[in-house]
Amino acid sequence: MNAGLIASRYANALMRFAQEKQMEDRLYEEAGAIRHALGNDQQLTACIAAASEPMQKFLTLVIRNKRVEFLPEILRVFRVYYRKEKGITQALLTTAAEEPQLAGKLRTLMQAQGFTQVDFKTEVDPGLIGGFILQVEDKRLDASIATQLRTIRKEWEEQNRKIRNNG
């Protein structure tokens, strides 16, 4: 059976259960913590021990149904459903250096465009040289100097190739 389909079914069941018990926020946070902890046995044990009873029961169900290998994807998809249900948009801003003012301006601009709640993360990549890359859900705005330079170089090489071929 398709891993995405299995993850989607379990995540959907967990989302419905979370809504029924009015525990969406708590199970969302726990799903993130458990998903992160899956790579660390000690951390995983502590995370599961600290989880709510509903999350522990859900994990038991996944284990009993021999779907543990799908757990990271189940938890990822559950968190996607949660954000969709709550109207939360994920955004990642990558800059060449720390730019706290830019992050604030972009958040304000996004809210003015109708994004009510933005889960905004930032990271620094000096390889961008300057400018930024803004990833909002599945859309990407690349305004980095590095990309602009690559584009100029590619165009220059293409023009030179045309000149050599015609000369």
Protein backbone atom coordinates (compact mmCIF):
# COMPACT_ATOMS: atom_id res chain seq x y z
CA MET A 1 0.00 0.00 0.00
CA ASN A 2 1.17 3.55 -0.77
CA ALA A 3 3.04 5.16 2.18
CA GLY A 4 1.41 8.53 1.49
CA LEU A 5 -2.05 7.00 1.54
CA ILE A 6 -1.38 5.17 4.81
CA ALA A 7 0.06 8.31 6.40
CA SER A 8 -2.86 10.37 5.17
CA ARG A 9 -5.45 7.94 6.57
CA TYR A 10 -3.84 7.73 10.00
CA ALA A 11 -3.17 11.47 10.14
CA ASN A 12 -6.77 12.18 9.16
CA ALA A 13 -8.01 9.83 11.91
CA LEU A 14 -5.75 11.54 14.44
CA MET A 15 -6.98 14.98 13.29
CA ARG A 16 -10.65 13.96 13.64
CA PHE A 17 -9.93 12.47 17.07
CA ALA A 18 -8.05 15.61 18.15
CA GLN A 19 -10.98 17.78 17.07
CA GLU A 20 -13.48 15.52 18.83
CA LYS A 21 -11.49 15.74 22.08
CA GLN A 22 -10.69 19.45 21.49
CA MET A 23 -6.99 18.69 21.84
CA GLU A 24 -5.74 19.81 18.43
CA ASP A 25 -3.16 22.24 19.83
CA ARG A 26 -1.67 19.76 22.28
CA LEU A 27 -1.56 16.85 19.83
CA TYR A 28 -0.05 19.13 17.19
CA GLU A 29 2.81 20.05 19.53
CA GLU A 30 3.25 16.42 20.61
CA ALA A 31 3.30 15.21 17.00
CA GLY A 32 6.10 17.68 16.25
CA ALA A 33 8.10 16.64 19.32
CA ILE A 34 7.69 12.91 18.64
CA ARG A 35 8.53 13.33 14.97
CA HIS A 36 11.69 15.22 15.93
CA ALA A 37 12.58 12.65 18.58
CA LEU A 38 12.29 9.65 16.26
CA GLY A 39 15.96 9.99 15.44
CA ASN A 40 17.04 9.82 19.10
CA ASP A 41 16.07 6.82 21.29
CA GLN A 42 16.53 8.58 24.66
CA GLN A 43 14.71 11.64 23.46
CA LEU A 44 11.95 9.48 21.96
CA THR A 45 11.40 7.60 25.22
CA ALA A 46 11.14 10.86 27.17
CA CYS A 47 8.88 12.40 24.54
CA ILE A 48 6.44 9.48 24.54
CA ALA A 49 6.41 9.37 28.36
CA ALA A 50 5.49 13.07 28.41
CA ALA A 51 2.79 12.71 25.73
CA SER A 52 -0.90 12.94 26.58
CA GLU A 53 -2.96 9.80 27.00
CA PRO A 54 -4.69 10.29 23.61
CA MET A 55 -1.31 10.53 21.84
CA GLN A 56 -0.03 7.45 23.67
CA LYS A 57 -3.17 5.55 22.64
CA PHE A 58 -2.69 6.66 19.04
CA LEU A 59 0.93 5.51 19.07
CA THR A 60 -0.20 2.17 20.51
CA LEU A 61 -2.69 1.84 17.64
CA VAL A 62 0.02 2.56 15.06
CA ILE A 63 2.34 0.01 16.68
CA ARG A 64 -0.40 -2.62 17.00
CA ASN A 65 -1.24 -2.21 13.30
CA LYS A 66 2.45 -2.56 12.40
CA ARG A 67 2.64 0.88 10.79
CA VAL A 68 5.59 2.26 12.79
CA GLU A 69 7.68 2.82 9.67
CA PHE A 70 5.00 5.28 8.53
CA LEU A 71 4.94 7.20 11.82
CA PRO A 72 7.16 10.13 10.76
CA GLU A 73 5.01 10.69 7.68
CA ILE A 74 1.77 10.22 9.66
CA LEU A 75 2.88 12.88 12.13
CA ARG A 76 4.06 15.20 9.35
CA VAL A 77 0.73 14.91 7.52
CA PHE A 78 -1.20 15.40 10.77
CA ARG A 79 0.68 18.66 11.32
CA VAL A 80 -0.16 19.73 7.74
CA TYR A 81 -3.86 19.02 8.42
CA TYR A 82 -3.66 20.95 11.67
CA ARG A 83 -2.12 24.02 10.02
CA LYS A 84 -4.72 23.90 7.26
CA GLU A 85 -7.57 23.56 9.77
CA LYS A 86 -6.23 26.46 11.87
CA GLY A 87 -5.34 28.67 8.90
CA ILE A 88 -1.61 28.64 9.68
CA THR A 89 0.79 29.36 6.83
CA GLN A 90 4.41 28.21 7.03
CA ALA A 91 7.08 30.58 5.76
CA LEU A 92 10.85 30.26 5.66
CA LEU A 93 13.03 33.31 5.09
CA THR A 94 16.66 32.63 4.17
CA THR A 95 19.04 35.58 4.14
CA ALA A 96 22.79 36.02 3.67
CA ALA A 97 23.06 37.66 7.12
CA GLU A 98 20.77 38.28 10.09
CA GLU A 99 17.93 40.54 8.90
CA PRO A 100 15.34 40.87 11.73
CA GLN A 101 13.78 44.00 10.19
CA LEU A 102 13.19 42.21 6.88
CA ALA A 103 11.48 39.30 8.63
CA GLY A 104 9.17 41.71 10.46
CA LYS A 105 8.35 43.62 7.27
CA LEU A 106 7.62 40.41 5.35
CA ARG A 107 5.39 39.09 8.16
CA THR A 108 3.42 42.38 8.15
CA LEU A 109 3.14 42.27 4.35
CA MET A 110 1.91 38.67 4.44
CA GLN A 111 -0.71 39.52 7.06
CA ALA A 112 -1.85 42.47 4.93
CA GLN A 113 -2.26 39.99 2.05
CA GLY A 114 -4.66 37.87 4.12
CA PHE A 115 -2.36 35.38 5.82
CA THR A 116 -3.89 35.50 9.29
CA GLN A 117 -1.37 33.38 11.15
CA VAL A 118 2.15 32.80 9.87
CA ASP A 119 4.56 30.22 11.31
CA PHE A 120 7.61 32.23 10.30
CA LYS A 121 11.11 30.76 10.51
CA THR A 122 14.38 32.36 9.49
CA GLU A 123 17.79 30.98 8.62
CA VAL A 124 21.09 32.41 7.45
CA ASP A 125 22.99 31.15 4.37
CA PRO A 126 26.05 33.31 3.57
CA GLY A 127 26.20 31.58 0.18
CA LEU A 128 23.31 33.81 -0.97
CA ILE A 129 25.79 36.74 -0.96
CA GLY A 130 22.88 39.17 -0.47
CA GLY A 131 19.13 39.39 -0.89
CA PHE A 132 16.82 36.64 0.34
CA ILE A 133 14.76 33.58 -0.48
CA LEU A 134 11.20 33.44 0.84
CA GLN A 135 9.45 30.06 0.81
CA VAL A 136 5.72 30.23 1.61
CA GLU A 137 4.15 26.78 1.60
CA ASP A 138 4.90 25.53 -1.94
CA LYS A 139 5.75 28.93 -3.46
CA ARG A 140 9.29 30.33 -3.59
CA LEU A 141 10.54 33.85 -4.21
CA ASP A 142 14.28 33.87 -4.85
CA ALA A 143 15.67 37.40 -4.68
CA SER A 144 19.21 36.36 -3.80
CA ILE A 145 22.31 37.87 -5.36
CA ALA A 146 23.75 34.38 -5.91
CA THR A 147 20.78 33.37 -8.08
CA GLN A 148 20.87 36.65 -9.99
CA LEU A 149 24.58 36.14 -10.71
CA ARG A 150 23.95 32.56 -11.88
CA THR A 151 21.20 33.81 -14.19
CA ILE A 152 23.44 36.52 -15.65
CA ARG A 153 26.28 34.01 -16.17
CA LYS A 154 23.94 31.52 -17.85
CA GLU A 155 22.60 34.23 -20.19
CA TRP A 156 26.14 35.44 -20.95
CA GLU A 157 27.31 31.88 -21.76
CA GLU A 158 24.26 31.36 -23.99
CA GLN A 159 24.97 34.61 -25.88
CA ASN A 160 28.63 33.63 -26.33
CA ARG A 161 27.62 30.19 -27.59
CA LYS A 162 25.30 31.81 -30.19
CA ILE A 163 28.04 34.21 -31.31
CA ARG A 164 30.59 31.37 -31.68
CA ASN A 165 28.13 29.22 -33.63
CA ASN A 166 27.19 32.06 -36.01
CA GLY A 167 30.75 33.37 -36.47
